[in-house]
Protein backbone atom coordinates (compact mmCIF):
# COMPACT_ATOMS: atom_id res chain seq x y z
CA MET A 1 138.47 162.63 21.41
CA LEU A 2 140.08 160.27 18.89
CA ILE A 3 140.96 161.15 15.30
CA LEU A 4 142.42 158.31 13.21
CA ASN A 5 144.42 158.70 10.00
CA SER A 6 144.58 155.29 8.32
CA GLN A 7 147.10 153.82 5.93
CA PHE A 8 146.49 151.06 3.41
CA SER A 9 147.50 148.28 5.81
CA ILE A 10 144.98 149.54 8.34
CA PHE A 11 142.33 149.75 5.63
CA HIS A 12 143.09 146.17 4.55
CA SER A 13 142.73 144.97 8.12
CA GLN A 14 139.27 146.51 8.23
CA LEU A 15 138.44 145.26 4.74
CA ILE A 16 138.81 141.58 5.59
CA GLN A 17 136.23 142.03 8.33
CA ASP A 18 133.64 142.33 5.55
CA PRO A 19 132.08 138.84 5.19
CA LEU A 20 131.78 139.21 1.40
CA ILE A 21 135.46 140.12 1.01
CA ARG A 22 136.45 137.18 3.17
CA ILE A 23 134.38 134.84 1.02
CA LEU A 24 136.03 136.18 -2.15
CA LEU A 25 139.46 135.64 -0.63
CA LEU A 26 138.62 132.18 0.68
CA PRO A 27 139.98 130.24 -2.36
CA PHE A 28 143.36 131.93 -1.93
CA SER A 29 143.34 131.06 1.78
CA LEU A 30 142.64 127.42 0.95
CA LEU A 31 145.54 127.33 -1.50
CA TYR A 32 147.75 128.90 1.13
CA GLY A 33 146.49 126.36 3.67
CA LEU A 34 147.33 123.51 1.30
CA GLY A 35 150.93 124.70 1.17
CA VAL A 36 151.04 124.99 4.95
CA SER A 37 149.63 121.45 5.32
CA ILE A 38 152.21 119.99 2.94
CA ARG A 39 155.01 121.71 4.83
CA ASP A 40 153.68 120.43 8.15
CA PHE A 41 153.41 116.89 6.71
CA LEU A 42 157.02 117.01 5.52
CA TYR A 43 158.21 118.03 8.98
CA ARG A 44 156.16 115.30 10.65
CA GLN A 45 157.58 112.73 8.23
CA LYS A 46 161.08 114.11 8.85
CA VAL A 47 161.60 114.89 5.17
CA LEU A 48 162.24 118.43 6.40
CA MET A 49 164.43 118.30 9.48
CA SER A 50 164.25 120.39 12.62
CA VAL A 51 167.43 120.88 14.62
CA LYS A 52 167.74 120.53 18.40
CA PHE A 53 170.58 122.18 20.31
CA ASN A 54 172.38 121.18 23.47
CA LEU A 55 171.47 124.39 25.29
CA PRO A 56 168.08 125.78 26.30
CA VAL A 57 166.16 127.48 23.49
CA ILE A 58 162.95 129.39 24.25
CA SER A 59 160.74 130.46 21.35
CA VAL A 60 158.17 133.27 21.62
CA GLY A 61 155.79 133.63 18.69
CA ASN A 62 152.21 133.73 17.50
CA LEU A 63 149.99 132.27 14.81
CA THR A 64 148.89 135.61 13.35
CA VAL A 65 150.73 138.19 11.26
CA GLY A 66 151.56 140.39 14.24
CA GLY A 67 150.34 142.50 17.08
CA ALA A 68 150.19 139.86 19.84
CA GLY A 69 152.91 141.45 21.95
CA LYS A 70 156.00 139.31 21.34
CA THR A 71 158.52 142.04 22.09
CA PRO A 72 157.42 142.98 25.65
CA HIS A 73 157.02 139.30 26.54
CA ILE A 74 160.55 138.56 25.38
CA GLU A 75 161.69 141.52 27.45
CA HIS A 76 159.92 140.02 30.46
CA ILE A 77 161.91 136.80 30.02
CA ILE A 78 165.13 138.78 29.55
CA ARG A 79 164.56 140.63 32.82
CA LEU A 80 163.73 137.34 34.53
CA LEU A 81 166.85 135.49 33.41
CA ARG A 82 169.66 138.00 32.88
CA PRO A 83 170.57 138.31 36.60
CA TYR A 84 171.46 134.59 36.60
CA LEU A 85 172.30 133.52 33.04
CA ASN A 86 174.05 134.73 29.91
CA VAL A 87 171.08 135.47 27.67
CA ALA A 88 171.18 135.79 23.88
CA THR A 89 168.41 136.73 21.46
CA LEU A 90 168.02 135.68 17.84
CA SER A 91 165.64 137.48 15.50
CA ARG A 92 165.29 137.60 11.75
CA GLY A 93 165.64 141.40 11.75
CA TYR A 94 162.41 142.01 9.88
CA ARG A 95 162.67 144.62 7.08
CA ARG A 96 166.35 145.30 7.65
CA LYS A 97 168.39 146.28 4.61
CA THR A 98 171.14 143.75 5.26
CA GLN A 99 171.28 139.99 4.85
CA GLY A 100 172.83 137.07 6.65
CA HIS A 101 174.11 136.94 10.20
CA GLN A 102 174.57 140.23 12.01
CA ILE A 103 175.66 140.92 15.57
CA VAL A 104 173.66 143.76 17.04
CA GLN A 105 175.81 146.46 18.60
CA TYR A 106 174.66 149.30 20.83
CA TRP A 107 175.53 151.75 18.04
CA SER A 108 173.87 149.75 15.24
CA LYS A 109 171.12 151.28 13.11
CA ALA A 110 167.60 149.93 12.77
CA ASP A 111 167.92 149.48 9.00
CA GLN A 112 171.01 147.30 9.58
CA VAL A 113 169.66 144.92 12.23
CA GLY A 114 165.92 145.60 12.62
CA ASP A 115 164.10 147.70 15.19
CA GLU A 116 163.29 145.03 17.80
CA PRO A 117 166.80 143.50 18.06
CA LEU A 118 168.28 147.00 18.34
CA MET A 119 165.81 147.85 21.08
CA PHE A 120 166.82 144.70 23.00
CA LYS A 121 170.48 145.71 22.80
CA ARG A 122 169.88 149.31 23.80
CA LYS A 123 167.78 148.37 26.83
CA TYR A 124 169.84 145.34 27.89
CA PRO A 125 173.46 145.91 26.73
CA ASP A 126 174.69 142.71 28.40
CA VAL A 127 172.39 140.58 26.23
CA PHE A 128 174.04 139.16 23.11
CA ALA A 129 171.62 140.09 20.33
CA THR A 130 171.89 138.74 16.79
CA VAL A 131 169.82 138.54 13.62
CA ASN A 132 169.69 135.82 11.00
CA GLU A 133 166.95 134.79 8.56
CA ASN A 134 167.82 131.15 9.21
CA ARG A 135 167.48 130.26 12.90
CA ALA A 136 169.10 126.85 12.44
CA LEU A 137 172.25 128.51 11.10
CA GLY A 138 171.96 131.54 13.35
CA ILE A 139 172.36 129.68 16.64
CA PRO A 140 175.70 127.99 15.75
CA GLU A 141 176.93 131.31 14.35
CA MET A 142 175.91 133.02 17.57
CA LEU A 143 177.71 130.45 19.71
CA GLN A 144 180.92 130.94 17.75
CA HIS A 145 180.95 134.59 18.81
CA ALA A 146 179.45 134.11 22.29
CA PRO A 147 180.30 130.58 23.51
CA GLU A 148 179.38 131.62 27.07
CA THR A 149 175.69 131.82 26.06
CA GLN A 150 173.48 129.80 28.41
CA VAL A 151 170.00 130.37 26.97
CA VAL A 152 168.73 131.55 23.57
CA LEU A 153 165.48 133.45 23.07
CA LEU A 154 164.00 133.09 19.58
CA ASP A 155 161.89 136.06 18.50
CA ASP A 156 158.83 135.32 16.34
CA ALA A 157 159.86 131.75 15.57
CA PHE A 158 156.67 129.74 16.04
CA GLN A 159 156.32 129.15 12.27
CA HIS A 160 160.06 128.70 11.69
CA ARG A 161 160.28 124.97 12.17
CA GLY A 162 163.98 124.62 11.38
CA VAL A 163 164.73 124.73 15.12
CA THR A 164 162.93 122.67 17.77
CA PRO A 165 162.79 124.86 20.89
CA GLY A 166 162.91 123.35 24.33
CA LEU A 167 160.11 125.69 25.42
CA ASN A 168 157.60 126.92 22.85
CA ILE A 169 155.53 129.95 23.93
CA LEU A 170 152.52 130.97 21.83
CA LEU A 171 150.89 134.38 22.23
CA THR A 172 147.33 135.29 21.22
CA GLU A 173 145.41 138.53 21.69
CA TYR A 174 142.44 138.61 24.04
CA ARG A 175 140.34 140.66 21.61
CA ARG A 176 141.39 138.69 18.52
CA PRO A 177 142.37 135.16 19.57
CA PHE A 178 143.56 132.70 16.96
CA THR A 179 140.43 130.61 17.60
CA ARG A 180 138.29 133.24 15.83
CA ASP A 181 140.63 133.86 12.91
CA PHE A 182 141.31 132.26 9.53
CA LEU A 183 144.22 131.76 7.17
CA LEU A 184 145.76 134.52 5.10
CA PRO A 185 144.68 136.43 3.08
CA SER A 186 141.04 136.27 4.22
CA GLY A 187 142.24 136.23 7.83
CA ARG A 188 145.43 136.82 9.79
CA LEU A 189 146.62 133.27 10.51
CA ARG A 190 149.97 132.10 9.15
CA GLU A 191 149.10 128.47 9.96
CA TRP A 192 145.99 126.40 10.57
CA LYS A 193 144.55 126.89 14.05
CA SER A 194 145.48 123.31 14.94
CA ALA A 195 149.16 124.35 14.95
CA TYR A 196 148.68 125.63 18.49
CA ARG A 197 149.19 122.04 19.64
CA ARG A 198 152.97 122.61 19.30
CA ALA A 199 152.93 125.20 22.08
CA ASP A 200 154.00 124.35 25.63
CA ILE A 201 152.71 127.67 26.99
CA ILE A 202 149.89 129.85 25.68
CA VAL A 203 149.69 133.47 26.82
CA VAL A 204 146.50 135.44 26.19
CA THR A 205 147.83 138.98 25.82
CA LYS A 206 146.47 142.53 26.00
CA CYS A 207 143.74 141.50 28.43
CA PRO A 208 141.72 144.01 30.46
CA ASP A 209 143.59 144.50 33.72
CA ASP A 210 140.35 143.74 35.57
CA LEU A 211 139.56 140.54 33.66
CA HIS A 212 136.76 138.66 35.41
CA ASP A 213 137.08 134.99 36.31
CA ASP A 214 134.06 134.18 34.10
CA ASP A 215 135.72 135.78 31.05
CA ARG A 216 138.92 133.93 31.81
CA ALA A 217 137.03 130.64 31.99
CA LYS A 218 135.29 131.37 28.68
CA MET A 219 138.63 132.02 26.97
CA LEU A 220 140.08 128.79 28.36
CA ALA A 221 137.04 126.88 27.07
CA GLU A 222 137.50 128.49 23.65
CA ILE A 223 141.21 127.69 23.42
CA LYS A 224 140.80 124.13 24.72
CA PRO A 225 144.41 123.65 25.84
CA PHE A 226 145.94 120.21 25.60
CA PRO A 227 147.01 118.46 28.82
CA HIS A 228 150.65 119.39 28.20
CA GLN A 229 149.83 123.10 27.86
CA GLN A 230 149.47 125.83 30.45
CA VAL A 231 147.59 129.06 29.74
CA PHE A 232 148.39 132.48 31.23
CA PHE A 233 146.81 135.91 30.93
CA SER A 234 148.68 139.19 30.65
CA CYS A 235 148.12 142.89 30.05
CA TYR A 236 150.38 145.88 29.39
CA ARG A 237 151.67 148.40 31.90
CA TYR A 238 152.73 151.67 30.29
CA LEU A 239 155.50 153.62 31.98
CA ARG A 240 156.34 157.33 31.98
CA PRO A 241 157.33 158.67 28.54
CA TYR A 242 160.85 159.97 27.92
CA TYR A 243 162.24 162.38 25.33
CA ALA A 244 163.52 160.56 22.24
CA LEU A 245 166.67 162.71 22.01
CA ASN A 246 167.38 162.63 25.75
CA PRO A 247 166.05 159.60 27.69
CA ASN A 248 166.88 161.30 31.00
CA TYR A 249 164.05 163.79 30.39
CA ILE A 250 160.86 162.09 31.61
CA ILE A 251 157.32 163.47 31.75
CA ASP A 252 153.89 162.50 33.09
CA LEU A 253 150.85 162.30 30.84
CA GLN A 254 148.11 164.64 32.04
CA GLU A 255 144.43 165.21 31.28
CA ASP A 256 144.99 168.58 29.61
CA THR A 257 147.65 167.25 27.19
CA SER A 258 147.03 166.85 23.45
CA VAL A 259 148.87 163.91 21.90
CA LEU A 260 149.77 162.99 18.34
CA LEU A 261 150.43 159.25 18.46
CA VAL A 262 152.85 158.23 15.69
CA CYS A 263 153.19 154.48 15.32
CA ALA A 264 154.05 151.79 12.80
CA ILE A 265 153.02 148.68 14.70
CA ALA A 266 150.74 145.80 13.73
CA ASN A 267 147.87 146.80 16.03
CA SER A 268 147.57 150.07 17.93
CA ASP A 269 144.00 149.60 19.26
CA TYR A 270 145.07 148.60 22.77
CA LEU A 271 147.48 151.53 23.03
CA ARG A 272 144.95 154.04 21.67
CA ASP A 273 142.27 152.89 24.08
CA TRP A 274 144.62 153.27 27.05
CA LEU A 275 145.90 156.64 25.89
CA GLU A 276 142.39 158.06 25.64
CA THR A 277 141.99 157.50 29.39
CA GLN A 278 145.17 159.45 30.17
CA VAL A 279 145.05 162.64 28.08
CA GLY A 280 142.56 165.11 26.63
CA THR A 281 142.95 164.75 22.86
CA VAL A 282 144.47 161.92 20.83
CA ARG A 283 145.20 161.99 17.14
CA VAL A 284 146.78 158.95 15.54
CA ARG A 285 149.14 158.83 12.58
CA GLU A 286 149.53 155.17 11.65
CA TYR A 287 151.90 153.61 9.17
CA GLU A 288 152.40 150.03 8.03
CA ASP A 289 154.16 147.74 10.49
CA HIS A 290 157.94 148.40 10.75
CA HIS A 291 157.68 151.41 8.41
CA TYR A 292 160.89 153.36 7.86
CA PHE A 293 160.07 157.02 8.35
CA THR A 294 161.07 159.55 5.69
CA GLU A 295 161.66 163.29 5.73
CA GLY A 296 158.30 163.61 4.02
CA ASP A 297 156.72 161.75 6.92
CA LEU A 298 158.33 164.18 9.35
CA THR A 299 156.92 167.12 7.43
CA ASP A 300 153.45 165.57 7.62
CA ILE A 301 153.90 164.80 11.33
CA GLU A 302 155.03 168.38 11.95
CA LYS A 303 151.88 169.75 10.27
CA GLN A 304 149.59 167.45 12.21
CA PHE A 305 151.33 168.31 15.45
CA ALA A 306 150.90 172.02 14.77
CA SER A 307 147.15 171.48 14.28
CA LEU A 308 146.68 169.88 17.69
CA PRO A 309 144.51 171.96 20.02
CA GLY A 310 145.97 173.75 23.03
CA SER A 311 149.47 174.76 23.97
CA LYS A 312 150.32 171.65 25.99
CA LYS A 313 150.96 168.98 23.38
CA ILE A 314 153.46 166.26 22.51
CA ILE A 315 154.23 163.63 19.90
CA LEU A 316 154.19 160.12 21.34
CA THR A 317 155.65 156.96 19.81
CA THR A 318 156.57 153.42 20.84
CA GLU A 319 160.05 152.19 21.67
CA LYS A 320 160.22 150.11 18.49
CA ASP A 321 159.18 153.08 16.36
CA ALA A 322 161.77 155.22 18.13
CA MET A 323 164.52 152.91 16.83
CA ARG A 324 163.48 153.76 13.26
CA LEU A 325 162.80 157.43 13.94
CA GLU A 326 166.37 157.66 15.22
CA LEU A 327 167.53 157.37 11.60
CA LEU A 328 166.18 160.94 11.25
CA ARG A 329 167.68 162.17 14.50
CA ASP A 330 169.25 165.30 12.96
CA GLN A 331 165.98 166.29 11.31
CA LEU A 332 164.06 165.76 14.56
CA ALA A 333 166.50 168.03 16.37
CA GLU A 334 166.34 170.64 13.62
CA LYS A 335 162.53 170.73 13.66
CA LYS A 336 162.53 170.71 17.49
CA LEU A 337 159.69 168.21 17.56
CA PRO A 338 158.84 167.04 21.11
CA VAL A 339 158.87 163.30 20.34
CA MET A 340 158.32 161.31 23.52
CA VAL A 341 158.81 157.53 23.74
CA LEU A 342 156.35 155.37 25.68
CA PRO A 343 157.90 152.30 27.38
CA VAL A 344 155.73 149.27 28.04
CA GLU A 345 156.05 146.20 30.24
CA VAL A 346 154.08 142.98 30.57
CA ASN A 347 151.98 142.52 33.67
CA PHE A 348 150.59 139.03 34.25
CA LEU A 349 147.16 138.90 35.89
CA GLY A 350 146.64 137.52 39.37
CA GLN A 351 149.13 134.79 40.23
CA ASP A 352 149.97 134.11 36.60
CA GLY A 353 153.22 136.06 36.78
CA GLU A 354 154.63 133.87 39.54
CA ARG A 355 153.39 130.72 37.79
CA PHE A 356 154.83 131.76 34.43
CA ASP A 357 158.23 132.70 35.89
CA LYS A 358 158.35 129.47 37.86
CA LEU A 359 157.59 127.40 34.76
CA VAL A 360 160.38 129.08 32.77
CA LYS A 361 162.85 128.57 35.61
CA GLU A 362 161.83 124.92 36.01
CA PHE A 363 162.41 124.34 32.30
CA LEU A 364 165.94 125.67 32.65
CA LEU A 365 166.66 123.74 35.85
CA ASP A 366 165.36 120.50 34.34
CA PHE A 367 167.12 120.96 30.99
CA LYS A 368 169.35 118.08 30.05
CA VAL A 369 171.70 117.85 27.10
């Protein structure tokens, strides 16, 4: 059983699926596309300059406005490289309340550095995590504080052309690939589809874990990768949830459990579909992407939780959302809400994991200043 409470951003996402609405928004998309084309022309003519650095830089991004799975894929690369190299991450710190360059500390707050960078630091304390709106300035600033850095991971930097990465990874969702989308605001693309030519690697994310070879071949034919590009397919693997106020307390999801899923992510469809196969009842309370929760939100969540059927019930959220919910830690403790956090990892299909890891390692081994 699935009950969905939608917010405006969710409604807008559904609205642009209406062909008439998309037609009405088309002129605005064309104007937006003109600006994108001019910017791309200026970069190609070197009027706008892109900086290269003398250390390996790996960018992970997507063409759409979100929801392709950048965070768990960056985590996959972190886990791959951190046993051997000094890894640093650079994000813009989306929707943080600070500006300029910030070093992410274990004790930082989400509104200071952003939810994703804070999550990286909490899960991988040895990784040097920073935020800066300007990647070209952020990397030199980072190296001043951490000169031992051996590889930089750029989060959501495909459109940020100020830095030329050595390895450019583009993500696209299996259900909503960039090939079937259109420019903002009538679609979700931040650039023309042709921009995918800049990618070295394309990862089709959130695939069914039993993806058939025929479906894989159809997706490859739709993407039409260039000779210099390799395409991989991945899905998510959800781990056992842990208590937000005590990560050492871990539970198993069971069929007789009722769940209130609280999330503020770009696209929760994949998570909702999986969750429905694990528990009895799912209700979803969605907010706009990267929403900062308020005490009023907690009151609403508390009411919806109380209305869940049965005595065996929990509140479930994502790790990114947990970083922002932590700002209300005292209120969560006072209300005694059983907020559980659901970790997620990337699982590449078939032999793609070995191939992907090998390609990343070869890039680093072959890197020359």
